[in-house]
């Protein structure tokens, strides 16, 4: 088994026989002086019947493993199916206190967590803080839909308190009960786990940060490390490093040298070529000092960079101090792109900058930006919000302008009402009641066309937009698009809409014409009444003139008040809009 592991490049094996630790010693002996590490442990069935894998530090002795196993009520030394005396939750806590890690085994199969538990018992087990990882038989995407939602932390009932930042609720690993060495070749029997060194603490850290430390094997082929952007070389012409070209490793690079060897010059040169600004005043002074005094004016920095998406491609980023950086094809063609278009989310921190950032809570917070999930629709939604805010701002300004105008007009209302009260005291309102009410009727009738105005505007919009412009769906407009046959079907939808809107527009136009006729008839009939009331009004005015009372002023007063009173309702509406 160990020979096969060495052949396949498997560096870690976990020995977890059911209720037994007898096989650990043999595997340790077989792996001695071999590039294979052995995590000792055992598999348990909780008192409810849920299977768990219990792993312990590499140097845990066989006798100590036996004592750990005994703490769960397992006394027999040979493999068995006997249930432990502790519950699933109790085993998780006990293994942690023993210095080990417990993994929920084959959670979707017989005797797995999701098979044994249901309802609130399953929720409590899933949300247990001591459960750090689960074993699944393949890829996460192949899990049953209901379990997939739980594992992806999309089921609110199962949501864990501190899920890792990788879109999953918990670390997920592949493992398999191996009966013969050939089974190690099955993709779901192994997975990739990054550890600084193979220890139980390294494994625990990987489970806490699975997004960057755990990868499952694909169904077919071999796992390939994540592709990433690279700075392949850095070169200088002029300045302290004139003629130097540094070739960088595609992974980690470490600059080692004494004071004045040029380490900071390399870092600040890369920053300058990418057009990135330092964080903090001290870092900016240090950067500007290196650019001016070490590199000097007319010094040229050149970066050869390689990107992987959408296809492998190399660019050259050049900057001649103090000009802005340029992005070129390797042929020399200058592109209309910036360095951050080619290498997005690249960050550069100098020695002094790290110290300055560490002292400022605001600057430390900025470091978290790269770990925040990117929402591709954010720019569009921000633009929409800004547009809405601008619209609200204009509406608010218009409302406040209108409020000021209404308040200015309403300022005269108290005085008008006081004058009206004096006219009432001499009994003028009763004598001119008909004319007074006529003023109100006139105001009401004048508002009818205002109620029809929105429908006239709707008709104008329909007439203006019909027929619908279909040029954007023409054969010529779609000829280069692979989905043109599908997109062209939108023409039918719009032509059907046009066919339905045409009679609606005609009906609306006819309805408005009938409404105009009706309003005209009302106006004509009312005009007759007005003339009758007006004749009586003029007779009363002549009588009032004999008494030296100005009845006409009273009517003007009523007309002014009737015009101002609707403004009070409008003011209340505007106040509400302003508050909202």
Protein backbone atom coordinates (compact mmCIF):
# COMPACT_ATOMS: atom_id res chain seq x y z
CA UNK A 1 0.00 0.00 0.00
CA UNK A 2 2.82 2.41 0.89
CA UNK A 3 4.68 1.46 -2.29
CA UNK A 4 1.61 2.37 -4.34
CA UNK A 5 1.27 5.65 -2.49
CA UNK A 6 4.90 6.51 -3.29
CA UNK A 7 4.34 5.58 -6.93
CA UNK A 8 1.30 7.88 -7.16
CA UNK A 9 2.97 10.72 -5.27
CA UNK A 10 0.59 10.45 -2.31
CA UNK A 11 2.43 11.93 0.67
CA UNK A 12 -0.09 11.41 3.50
CA UNK A 13 -2.18 8.40 4.49
CA UNK A 14 -4.74 8.29 7.30
CA UNK A 15 -5.12 4.86 8.96
CA UNK A 16 -8.65 4.62 10.36
CA UNK A 17 -9.81 1.02 10.81
CA UNK A 18 -13.24 0.70 12.39
CA UNK A 19 -12.94 0.46 16.19
CA UNK A 20 -9.31 -0.61 15.89
CA UNK A 21 -5.77 0.80 15.92
CA UNK A 22 -3.99 -2.51 15.17
CA UNK A 23 -2.98 -1.55 11.62
CA UNK A 24 -1.22 1.71 12.52
CA UNK A 25 2.11 0.14 13.57
CA UNK A 26 2.49 -1.79 10.29
CA UNK A 27 1.91 1.29 8.18
CA UNK A 28 4.35 3.29 10.27
CA UNK A 29 6.99 0.62 9.78
CA UNK A 30 6.36 0.45 6.02
CA UNK A 31 6.61 4.24 5.63
CA UNK A 32 9.81 4.64 7.64
CA UNK A 33 12.42 6.47 5.53
CA UNK A 34 9.80 6.85 2.79
CA UNK A 35 8.18 10.13 1.60
CA UNK A 36 4.84 9.16 3.17
CA UNK A 37 3.42 10.50 6.43
CA UNK A 38 0.96 8.48 8.52
CA UNK A 39 -1.88 10.10 10.44
CA UNK A 40 -2.87 7.49 13.04
CA UNK A 41 -6.47 7.12 14.13
CA UNK A 42 -9.64 5.04 13.91
CA UNK A 43 -13.22 5.14 12.64
CA UNK A 44 -16.10 5.22 15.12
CA UNK A 45 -19.86 4.84 15.06
CA UNK A 46 -21.47 7.28 17.47
CA UNK A 47 -24.17 6.09 19.83
CA UNK A 48 -26.68 7.21 17.15
CA UNK A 49 -24.81 5.22 14.46
CA UNK A 50 -23.09 8.13 12.64
CA UNK A 51 -19.61 7.27 11.33
CA UNK A 52 -16.64 9.55 12.10
CA UNK A 53 -12.94 9.45 11.20
CA UNK A 54 -10.73 10.38 14.18
CA UNK A 55 -7.18 11.52 13.33
CA UNK A 56 -4.34 12.29 15.77
CA UNK A 57 -0.83 13.79 15.67
CA UNK A 58 1.79 11.79 13.76
CA UNK A 59 3.75 10.91 16.92
CA UNK A 60 0.78 9.61 18.94
CA UNK A 61 1.84 6.23 20.36
CA UNK A 62 -0.06 3.02 19.77
CA UNK A 63 -0.86 2.64 23.47
CA UNK A 64 -2.15 6.20 23.64
CA UNK A 65 -4.35 5.56 20.58
CA UNK A 66 -5.77 2.53 22.36
CA UNK A 67 -6.59 4.63 25.43
CA UNK A 68 -8.26 7.27 23.25
CA UNK A 69 -10.35 4.52 21.66
CA UNK A 70 -11.25 3.19 25.09
CA UNK A 71 -12.63 6.57 26.12
CA UNK A 72 -15.42 5.95 23.63
CA UNK A 73 -16.32 2.60 25.19
CA UNK A 74 -14.48 0.45 22.63
CA UNK A 75 -12.44 -2.17 24.53
CA UNK A 76 -11.92 -4.85 21.91
CA UNK A 77 -8.62 -4.62 20.03
CA UNK A 78 -9.91 -6.14 16.79
CA UNK A 79 -12.07 -4.28 14.23
CA UNK A 80 -15.79 -4.38 15.07
CA UNK A 81 -19.10 -2.66 14.38
CA UNK A 82 -19.84 -1.87 18.02
CA UNK A 83 -21.33 1.56 18.67
CA UNK A 84 -19.46 4.09 20.80
CA UNK A 85 -20.92 5.15 24.11
CA UNK A 86 -20.78 8.82 23.16
CA UNK A 87 -23.03 10.83 20.84
CA UNK A 88 -21.86 12.43 17.61
CA UNK A 89 -21.46 15.81 19.32
CA UNK A 90 -19.67 14.29 22.31
CA UNK A 91 -17.19 12.49 20.06
CA UNK A 92 -16.41 15.75 18.19
CA UNK A 93 -15.64 17.51 21.47
CA UNK A 94 -13.71 14.60 22.97
CA UNK A 95 -11.45 14.13 19.92
CA UNK A 96 -10.65 17.83 19.96
CA UNK A 97 -9.74 17.69 23.66
CA UNK A 98 -7.53 14.68 22.89
CA UNK A 99 -5.61 16.83 20.40
CA UNK A 100 -7.11 15.27 17.30
CA UNK A 101 -9.59 16.09 14.52
CA UNK A 102 -12.87 14.30 13.80
CA UNK A 103 -14.26 14.19 10.25
CA UNK A 104 -17.84 13.20 9.43
CA UNK A 105 -17.34 10.11 7.21
CA UNK A 106 -19.21 9.36 3.94
CA UNK A 107 -21.95 11.81 4.96
CA UNK A 108 -24.33 10.92 2.11
CA UNK A 109 -24.00 7.12 2.33
CA UNK A 110 -25.27 4.53 4.79
CA UNK A 111 -24.41 5.47 8.38
CA UNK A 112 -23.38 8.95 7.26
CA UNK A 113 -24.50 12.15 8.99
CA UNK A 114 -27.26 12.88 6.48
CA UNK A 115 -28.43 9.25 6.47
CA UNK A 116 -28.78 8.85 10.26
CA UNK A 117 -29.88 12.29 11.37
CA UNK A 118 -32.85 14.35 10.24
CA UNK A 119 -34.75 17.43 11.41
CA UNK A 120 -33.39 19.39 14.36
CA UNK A 121 -30.93 16.62 15.29
CA UNK A 122 -29.27 16.94 11.87
CA UNK A 123 -29.20 20.74 12.11
CA UNK A 124 -27.55 20.64 15.55
CA UNK A 125 -24.95 18.11 14.38
CA UNK A 126 -24.18 20.11 11.23
CA UNK A 127 -23.78 23.38 13.09
CA UNK A 128 -21.51 21.92 15.81
CA UNK A 129 -18.43 24.15 16.02
CA UNK A 130 -16.15 21.12 16.47
CA UNK A 131 -17.14 19.69 13.08
CA UNK A 132 -14.47 21.04 10.72
CA UNK A 133 -14.72 18.73 7.70
CA UNK A 134 -16.85 16.16 5.95
CA UNK A 135 -15.98 13.35 3.56
CA UNK A 136 -17.98 13.05 0.32
CA UNK A 137 -17.72 10.37 -2.39
CA UNK A 138 -16.93 12.72 -5.27
CA UNK A 139 -17.25 16.33 -6.37
CA UNK A 140 -19.38 18.77 -4.42
CA UNK A 141 -21.45 19.56 -7.54
CA UNK A 142 -22.54 15.90 -7.74
CA UNK A 143 -24.16 15.87 -4.30
CA UNK A 144 -27.98 15.49 -4.06
CA UNK A 145 -29.66 18.86 -4.48
CA UNK A 146 -30.95 19.14 -0.89
CA UNK A 147 -27.56 18.25 0.56
CA UNK A 148 -25.77 20.49 -1.96
CA UNK A 149 -27.70 23.50 -0.65
CA UNK A 150 -26.63 22.65 2.91
CA UNK A 151 -22.97 22.15 1.95
CA UNK A 152 -22.98 25.41 -0.04
CA UNK A 153 -24.46 27.22 2.99
CA UNK A 154 -27.59 28.13 1.03
CA UNK A 155 -30.06 26.53 3.46
CA UNK A 156 -30.71 29.16 6.13
CA UNK A 157 -31.75 26.54 8.71
CA UNK A 158 -28.32 24.87 8.49
CA UNK A 159 -26.22 28.03 8.23
CA UNK A 160 -23.06 27.74 10.31
CA UNK A 161 -21.77 30.54 12.52
CA UNK A 162 -18.33 30.86 10.90
CA UNK A 163 -18.32 29.26 7.43
CA UNK A 164 -15.04 29.44 5.45
CA UNK A 165 -14.85 32.08 2.71
CA UNK A 166 -15.04 29.70 -0.26
CA UNK A 167 -18.76 29.38 -0.93
CA UNK A 168 -19.01 26.25 1.22
CA UNK A 169 -20.28 25.84 4.77
CA UNK A 170 -17.45 23.50 5.74
CA UNK A 171 -14.26 21.90 4.45
CA UNK A 172 -14.97 19.02 2.05
CA UNK A 173 -12.50 16.19 1.40
CA UNK A 174 -12.42 13.00 -0.65
CA UNK A 175 -11.31 9.77 1.01
CA UNK A 176 -12.11 6.11 0.57
CA UNK A 177 -11.93 2.80 2.40
CA UNK A 178 -8.96 1.17 0.65
CA UNK A 179 -8.96 -2.63 0.48
CA UNK A 180 -6.21 -3.06 -2.11
CA UNK A 181 -3.47 -0.69 -3.38
CA UNK A 182 -5.07 -0.28 -6.80
CA UNK A 183 -7.97 1.59 -5.25
CA UNK A 184 -5.62 4.49 -4.50
CA UNK A 185 -5.83 5.35 -8.20
CA UNK A 186 -9.56 6.14 -7.93
CA UNK A 187 -9.85 9.98 -8.06
CA UNK A 188 -12.29 10.11 -5.13
CA UNK A 189 -9.90 8.17 -2.89
CA UNK A 190 -7.57 11.15 -2.43
CA UNK A 191 -7.53 14.92 -2.47
CA UNK A 192 -4.99 17.74 -2.34
CA UNK A 193 -4.38 19.49 0.97
CA UNK A 194 -1.79 22.25 1.35
CA UNK A 195 0.06 22.25 4.70
CA UNK A 196 3.19 24.16 5.65
CA UNK A 197 4.26 20.94 7.28
CA UNK A 198 2.38 17.68 7.76
CA UNK A 199 0.99 18.00 11.29
CA UNK A 200 -2.42 17.75 12.88
CA UNK A 201 -2.33 21.55 13.35
CA UNK A 202 -1.51 21.99 9.65
CA UNK A 203 -4.49 19.81 8.79
CA UNK A 204 -6.74 21.77 11.12
CA UNK A 205 -5.60 25.04 9.53
CA UNK A 206 -6.36 23.63 6.07
CA UNK A 207 -9.87 22.72 7.23
CA UNK A 208 -10.35 26.27 8.50
CA UNK A 209 -9.18 27.75 5.18
CA UNK A 210 -10.29 25.21 2.56
CA UNK A 211 -10.69 27.77 -0.19
CA UNK A 212 -6.94 28.18 -0.55
CA UNK A 213 -5.72 24.87 0.93
CA UNK A 214 -7.99 22.04 -0.29
CA UNK A 215 -8.67 20.83 -3.84
CA UNK A 216 -10.64 17.76 -4.94
CA UNK A 217 -9.53 15.65 -7.88
CA UNK A 218 -11.46 16.03 -11.16
CA UNK A 219 -13.52 13.10 -12.46
CA UNK A 220 -11.13 12.65 -15.35
CA UNK A 221 -7.50 13.54 -15.82
CA UNK A 222 -5.19 14.95 -13.19
CA UNK A 223 -5.55 17.94 -10.94
CA UNK A 224 -3.72 20.99 -12.26
CA UNK A 225 -2.74 23.86 -9.95
CA UNK A 226 -4.79 27.01 -10.32
CA UNK A 227 -3.59 29.14 -13.20
CA UNK A 228 -2.54 32.64 -12.24
CA UNK A 229 -1.06 35.78 -13.70
CA UNK A 230 2.73 36.07 -13.64
CA UNK A 231 5.40 38.72 -13.80
CA UNK A 232 7.97 36.79 -15.82
CA UNK A 233 10.85 39.30 -15.88
CA UNK A 234 11.73 42.76 -14.61
CA UNK A 235 14.33 44.78 -16.50
CA UNK A 236 15.92 48.24 -16.23
CA UNK A 237 17.62 50.67 -18.56
CA UNK A 238 19.33 53.54 -16.79
CA UNK A 239 19.52 54.24 -13.09
CA UNK A 240 20.98 52.10 -10.28
CA UNK A 241 20.01 48.77 -11.93
CA UNK A 242 20.94 49.73 -15.51
CA UNK A 243 21.15 46.66 -17.74
CA UNK A 244 19.83 44.25 -15.09
CA UNK A 245 17.06 41.75 -15.89
CA UNK A 246 15.55 39.60 -13.14
CA UNK A 247 13.72 36.38 -14.07
CA UNK A 248 11.02 35.52 -11.55
CA UNK A 249 9.69 32.14 -10.48
CA UNK A 250 5.98 31.62 -11.33
CA UNK A 251 5.29 31.02 -7.65
CA UNK A 252 7.06 32.47 -4.60
CA UNK A 253 10.09 34.75 -5.00
CA UNK A 254 12.28 35.95 -2.11
CA UNK A 255 14.79 38.82 -2.41
CA UNK A 256 17.74 38.41 -0.05
CA UNK A 257 20.58 40.91 0.28
CA UNK A 258 22.28 43.40 2.53
CA UNK A 259 21.31 47.01 3.06
CA UNK A 260 21.62 48.95 -0.19
CA UNK A 261 21.60 45.83 -2.38
CA UNK A 262 18.51 47.03 -4.24
CA UNK A 263 15.66 44.95 -2.74
CA UNK A 264 13.42 47.96 -2.21
CA UNK A 265 14.39 49.29 -5.64
CA UNK A 266 13.04 46.11 -7.26
CA UNK A 267 9.77 46.31 -5.30
CA UNK A 268 9.25 50.03 -5.95
CA UNK A 269 10.18 49.60 -9.62
CA UNK A 270 7.41 47.03 -10.03
CA UNK A 271 5.01 49.37 -8.26
CA UNK A 272 6.01 52.28 -10.49
CA UNK A 273 5.72 50.26 -13.69
CA UNK A 274 2.20 49.16 -12.73
CA UNK A 275 1.19 52.72 -11.83
CA UNK A 276 0.15 51.78 -8.28
CA UNK A 277 0.08 54.37 -5.50
CA UNK A 278 1.61 53.68 -2.07
CA UNK A 279 -0.64 53.64 0.99
CA UNK A 280 0.34 56.29 3.53
CA UNK A 281 2.57 59.36 3.59
CA UNK A 282 5.78 57.62 4.70
CA UNK A 283 5.43 54.92 2.06
CA UNK A 284 4.85 57.60 -0.57
CA UNK A 285 7.97 59.51 0.50
CA UNK A 286 10.05 56.33 0.37
CA UNK A 287 8.69 55.42 -3.08
CA UNK A 288 9.21 58.91 -4.50
CA UNK A 289 12.73 58.98 -3.08
CA UNK A 290 13.70 55.71 -4.80
CA UNK A 291 12.14 56.78 -8.10
CA UNK A 292 13.91 60.18 -8.11
CA UNK A 293 17.25 59.37 -6.52
CA UNK A 294 17.89 55.69 -7.34
CA UNK A 295 16.14 55.18 -10.65
CA UNK A 296 16.35 58.77 -11.85
CA UNK A 297 14.70 60.63 -14.69
CA UNK A 298 14.59 58.80 -18.05
CA UNK A 299 15.14 55.40 -16.40
CA UNK A 300 13.05 52.72 -18.13
CA UNK A 301 11.39 49.83 -16.27
CA UNK A 302 10.10 46.92 -18.32
CA UNK A 303 7.89 44.04 -17.09
CA UNK A 304 7.16 40.92 -19.12
CA UNK A 305 3.83 39.58 -17.83
CA UNK A 306 1.85 36.46 -18.67
CA UNK A 307 -1.91 36.01 -18.27
CA UNK A 308 -3.86 32.76 -18.52
CA UNK A 309 -7.36 33.95 -19.45
CA UNK A 310 -9.06 33.90 -21.84
CA UNK A 311 -5.94 32.30 -23.33
CA UNK A 312 -2.26 32.33 -22.46
CA UNK A 313 -0.86 35.66 -23.62
CA UNK A 314 2.19 37.79 -22.85
CA UNK A 315 2.41 41.58 -22.67
CA UNK A 316 5.19 44.04 -22.00
CA UNK A 317 4.50 46.86 -19.54
CA UNK A 318 6.98 49.73 -19.82
CA UNK A 319 7.46 52.97 -17.98
CA UNK A 320 10.03 55.64 -18.61
CA UNK A 321 10.29 57.92 -15.59
CA UNK A 322 8.39 60.27 -15.20
CA UNK A 323 5.98 59.34 -18.05
CA UNK A 324 2.92 57.14 -17.43
CA UNK A 325 3.19 53.39 -18.07
CA UNK A 326 2.42 51.82 -21.45
CA UNK A 327 1.10 48.36 -22.30
CA UNK A 328 2.52 46.78 -25.45
CA UNK A 329 2.14 43.59 -27.40
CA UNK A 330 5.43 41.73 -27.71
CA UNK A 331 5.50 43.03 -31.28
CA UNK A 332 5.81 46.55 -29.85
CA UNK A 333 2.27 47.72 -30.64
CA UNK A 334 0.95 50.10 -27.97
CA UNK A 335 -2.44 49.06 -26.61
CA UNK A 336 -5.18 51.26 -25.20
CA UNK A 337 -5.08 49.42 -21.88
CA UNK A 338 -3.65 50.11 -18.45
CA UNK A 339 -1.44 47.82 -16.36
CA UNK A 340 -4.35 47.13 -14.00
CA UNK A 341 -6.43 45.98 -16.99
CA UNK A 342 -3.79 43.32 -17.61
CA UNK A 343 -3.04 42.49 -13.96
CA UNK A 344 -6.19 43.33 -11.99
CA UNK A 345 -6.11 43.24 -8.17
CA UNK A 346 -2.30 43.23 -8.01
CA UNK A 347 -1.03 44.79 -4.80
CA UNK A 348 2.47 45.97 -3.92
CA UNK A 349 3.65 46.75 -0.38
CA UNK A 350 7.06 48.04 0.56
CA UNK A 351 8.88 47.53 3.87
CA UNK A 352 7.92 50.88 5.39
CA UNK A 353 4.44 50.60 3.96
CA UNK A 354 3.71 47.37 5.86
CA UNK A 355 4.76 49.05 9.09
CA UNK A 356 2.60 52.09 8.36
CA UNK A 357 -0.42 49.97 7.45
CA UNK A 358 -0.06 47.94 10.65
CA UNK A 359 -0.38 51.13 12.73
CA UNK A 360 -3.59 52.37 11.09
CA UNK A 361 -6.95 50.63 11.50
CA UNK A 362 -8.28 52.37 8.36
CA UNK A 363 -5.37 51.16 6.25
CA UNK A 364 -5.64 47.64 7.66
CA UNK A 365 -9.28 47.59 6.66
CA UNK A 366 -8.30 48.39 3.06
CA UNK A 367 -6.32 45.16 2.97
CA UNK A 368 -9.56 43.19 3.29
CA UNK A 369 -10.87 44.42 -0.05
CA UNK A 370 -9.21 41.64 -2.03
CA UNK A 371 -10.97 39.01 0.07
CA UNK A 372 -14.44 40.44 -0.55
CA UNK A 373 -16.42 38.51 -3.14
CA UNK A 374 -16.65 40.47 -6.39
CA UNK A 375 -20.15 41.28 -7.60
CA UNK A 376 -19.96 41.75 -11.36
CA UNK A 377 -23.28 43.61 -11.35
CA UNK A 378 -22.05 46.11 -8.74
CA UNK A 379 -20.93 48.76 -11.25
CA UNK A 380 -24.29 48.60 -13.03
CA UNK A 381 -26.21 48.74 -9.75
CA UNK A 382 -24.08 51.64 -8.50
CA UNK A 383 -24.81 53.55 -11.71
CA UNK A 384 -28.51 52.83 -11.24
CA UNK A 385 -28.37 54.02 -7.63
CA UNK A 386 -26.48 57.16 -8.63
CA UNK A 387 -29.06 57.83 -11.33
CA UNK A 388 -31.85 57.35 -8.83
CA UNK A 389 -30.16 59.65 -6.34
CA UNK A 390 -29.68 62.31 -9.01
CA UNK A 391 -33.34 61.98 -9.96
CA UNK A 392 -34.38 62.22 -6.31
CA UNK A 393 -32.11 65.21 -5.83
CA UNK A 394 -33.72 67.00 -8.77
CA UNK A 395 -37.19 66.07 -7.54
CA UNK A 396 -36.31 67.31 -4.05
CA UNK A 397 -34.96 70.59 -5.38
CA UNK A 398 -38.07 71.03 -7.54
CA UNK A 399 -40.29 70.22 -4.57
CA UNK A 400 -38.52 72.73 -2.33
CA UNK A 401 -38.77 75.41 -5.03
CA UNK A 402 -42.46 74.73 -5.41
CA UNK A 403 -42.90 74.72 -1.60
CA UNK A 404 -41.30 78.17 -1.38
CA UNK A 405 -43.56 79.44 -4.16
CA UNK A 406 -46.71 78.00 -2.56
CA UNK A 407 -45.76 79.33 0.87
CA UNK A 408 -45.26 82.77 -0.64
CA UNK A 409 -48.72 82.66 -2.21
CA UNK A 410 -50.39 81.17 0.87
CA UNK A 411 -48.97 83.96 3.03
CA UNK A 412 -51.83 86.15 1.76
CA UNK A 413 -54.54 83.62 2.71
CA UNK A 414 -54.97 84.59 6.41
CA UNK A 415 -55.51 88.25 5.46
CA UNK A 416 -57.98 87.34 2.73
CA UNK A 417 -59.95 85.14 5.10
CA UNK A 418 -60.09 87.93 7.71
CA UNK A 419 -61.49 90.31 5.07
CA UNK A 420 -63.98 87.67 4.01
CA UNK A 421 -65.11 87.33 7.62
CA UNK A 422 -65.94 91.07 7.72
CA UNK A 423 -68.05 90.74 4.56
CA UNK A 424 -69.90 87.87 6.21
CA UNK A 425 -70.62 90.00 9.25
CA UNK A 426 -72.68 92.41 7.12
CA UNK A 427 -74.58 89.48 5.56
CA UNK A 428 -73.00 89.86 2.12
CA UNK A 429 -72.17 86.17 1.69
CA UNK A 430 -75.83 85.13 1.99
CA UNK A 431 -76.98 87.72 -0.55
CA UNK A 432 -74.22 86.73 -3.01
CA UNK A 433 -74.37 83.03 -2.20
CA UNK A 434 -75.21 81.92 -5.77
CA UNK A 435 -72.35 83.93 -7.27
CA UNK A 436 -70.01 82.73 -4.54
CA UNK A 437 -70.84 79.10 -5.26
CA UNK A 438 -70.52 79.83 -8.97
CA UNK A 439 -66.86 80.68 -8.37
CA UNK A 440 -66.32 77.26 -6.85
CA UNK A 441 -68.13 75.58 -9.73
CA UNK A 442 -65.99 77.47 -12.22
CA UNK A 443 -62.84 76.30 -10.45
CA UNK A 444 -64.05 72.71 -10.41
CA UNK A 445 -64.97 72.74 -14.09
CA UNK A 446 -61.60 74.19 -15.00
CA UNK A 447 -59.86 71.18 -13.36
CA UNK A 448 -61.54 68.64 -15.68
CA UNK A 449 -59.05 69.15 -18.58
CA UNK A 450 -56.21 68.65 -16.08
CA UNK A 451 -57.57 65.17 -15.33
CA UNK A 452 -57.56 64.34 -19.03
CA UNK A 453 -53.99 65.60 -19.62
CA UNK A 454 -52.15 62.38 -18.55
CA UNK A 455 -54.23 60.34 -21.00
CA UNK A 456 -53.46 62.79 -23.79
CA UNK A 457 -49.76 62.42 -22.97
CA UNK A 458 -50.10 58.62 -23.06
CA UNK A 459 -51.74 58.86 -26.47
CA UNK A 460 -48.95 61.13 -27.73
CA UNK A 461 -46.34 58.59 -26.54
CA UNK A 462 -48.15 55.75 -28.29
CA UNK A 463 -48.45 57.73 -31.53
CA UNK A 464 -44.80 58.72 -31.32
CA UNK A 465 -43.45 55.19 -30.64
CA UNK A 466 -45.66 53.40 -33.17
CA UNK A 467 -44.75 51.77 -35.41
CA UNK A 468 -42.00 50.10 -33.30
CA UNK A 469 -38.48 50.52 -34.71
CA UNK A 470 -37.26 46.98 -35.53
CA UNK A 471 -33.99 47.96 -37.21
CA UNK A 472 -31.93 46.51 -34.37
CA UNK A 473 -33.42 43.07 -35.14
CA UNK A 474 -32.95 43.27 -38.90
CA UNK A 475 -31.22 40.48 -40.81
CA UNK A 476 -28.18 42.70 -41.32
CA UNK A 477 -27.95 43.60 -37.63
CA UNK A 478 -28.05 39.92 -36.60
CA UNK A 479 -26.07 38.29 -39.40
CA UNK A 480 -22.81 37.92 -37.40
CA UNK A 481 -24.45 36.64 -34.21
CA UNK A 482 -24.52 32.84 -33.63
CA UNK A 483 -27.89 33.12 -31.89
CA UNK A 484 -29.54 35.13 -34.66
CA UNK A 485 -32.27 32.53 -35.24
CA UNK A 486 -33.32 32.81 -31.60
CA UNK A 487 -32.98 36.59 -31.40
CA UNK A 488 -34.96 37.13 -34.60
CA UNK A 489 -38.00 35.63 -32.89
CA UNK A 490 -38.22 38.83 -30.83
CA UNK A 491 -39.42 40.53 -34.02
CA UNK A 492 -42.64 38.52 -33.85
CA UNK A 493 -43.16 39.52 -30.20
CA UNK A 494 -42.76 43.22 -31.01
CA UNK A 495 -44.91 43.11 -34.13
CA UNK A 496 -47.64 41.34 -32.15
CA UNK A 497 -47.36 44.08 -29.52
CA UNK A 498 -47.62 46.74 -32.21
CA UNK A 499 -50.72 45.06 -33.66
CA UNK A 500 -52.36 45.11 -30.24
CA UNK A 501 -51.34 48.68 -29.39
CA UNK A 502 -52.61 50.22 -32.65
CA UNK A 503 -56.31 49.62 -31.88
CA UNK A 504 -55.69 50.59 -28.24
CA UNK A 505 -54.32 53.95 -29.41
CA UNK A 506 -57.29 54.39 -31.73
CA UNK A 507 -59.71 53.49 -28.92
CA UNK A 508 -57.98 55.88 -26.54
CA UNK A 509 -58.13 58.68 -29.10
CA UNK A 510 -61.85 58.05 -29.65
CA UNK A 511 -62.49 57.88 -25.90
CA UNK A 512 -60.75 61.22 -25.39
CA UNK A 513 -62.77 62.74 -28.23
CA UNK A 514 -65.99 61.52 -26.58
CA UNK A 515 -64.78 62.89 -23.25
CA UNK A 516 -64.06 66.26 -24.91
CA UNK A 517 -67.58 66.29 -26.36
CA UNK A 518 -69.05 65.46 -22.96
CA UNK A 519 -67.03 68.16 -21.22
CA UNK A 520 -68.04 70.64 -23.94
CA UNK A 521 -71.71 69.84 -23.38
CA UNK A 522 -71.28 70.29 -19.63
CA UNK A 523 -69.48 73.59 -20.24
CA UNK A 524 -72.25 74.82 -22.59
CA UNK A 525 -75.01 73.92 -20.15
CA UNK A 526 -73.09 75.47 -17.27
CA UNK A 527 -72.52 78.66 -19.27
CA UNK A 528 -76.30 79.10 -19.46
CA UNK A 529 -76.52 78.76 -15.69
CA UNK A 530 -73.62 81.17 -15.28
CA UNK A 531 -75.34 83.81 -17.38
CA UNK A 532 -78.51 83.48 -15.29
CA UNK A 533 -76.58 83.78 -12.03
CA UNK A 534 -74.52 86.63 -13.48
CA UNK A 535 -77.67 88.58 -14.33
CA UNK A 536 -78.99 88.18 -10.82
CA UNK A 537 -75.55 89.07 -9.48
CA UNK A 538 -75.44 92.32 -11.43
CA UNK A 539 -78.92 93.25 -10.11
CA UNK A 540 -77.72 92.65 -6.52
CA UNK A 541 -74.56 94.69 -7.17
CA UNK A 542 -76.64 97.65 -8.26
CA UNK A 543 -78.62 97.44 -5.04
CA UNK A 544 -75.42 97.13 -2.99
CA UNK A 545 -73.94 100.21 -4.65
CA UNK A 546 -76.86 102.19 -3.31
CA UNK A 547 -75.77 100.99 0.18
CA UNK A 548 -72.08 101.72 -0.67
CA UNK A 549 -71.09 98.03 -0.30
CA UNK A 550 -68.64 96.62 -2.87
CA UNK A 551 -70.12 93.24 -3.74
CA UNK A 552 -67.70 92.79 -6.62
CA UNK A 553 -64.76 92.94 -4.23
CA UNK A 554 -66.40 90.16 -2.21
CA UNK A 555 -66.60 87.92 -5.29
CA UNK A 556 -62.97 88.68 -6.23
CA UNK A 557 -62.05 87.81 -2.67
CA UNK A 558 -63.89 84.46 -2.85
CA UNK A 559 -62.25 83.70 -6.18
CA UNK A 560 -58.77 84.37 -4.72
CA UNK A 561 -59.47 82.17 -1.69
CA UNK A 562 -60.84 79.33 -3.86
CA UNK A 563 -57.69 79.47 -5.97
CA UNK A 564 -55.41 79.34 -2.91
CA UNK A 565 -57.10 76.60 -0.89
CA UNK A 566 -56.08 73.71 -3.23
CA UNK A 567 -52.49 74.84 -2.71
CA UNK A 568 -52.77 73.78 0.93
CA UNK A 569 -53.37 70.17 -0.17
CA UNK A 570 -50.52 70.41 -2.68
CA UNK A 571 -48.23 71.76 0.06
CA UNK A 572 -49.08 68.79 2.30
CA UNK A 573 -48.20 66.38 -0.54
CA UNK A 574 -44.88 68.13 -1.19
CA UNK A 575 -44.03 68.11 2.52
CA UNK A 576 -44.61 64.36 2.59
CA UNK A 577 -42.44 63.84 -0.49
CA UNK A 578 -39.69 65.97 1.05
CA UNK A 579 -39.74 63.87 4.23
CA UNK A 580 -39.69 60.57 2.36
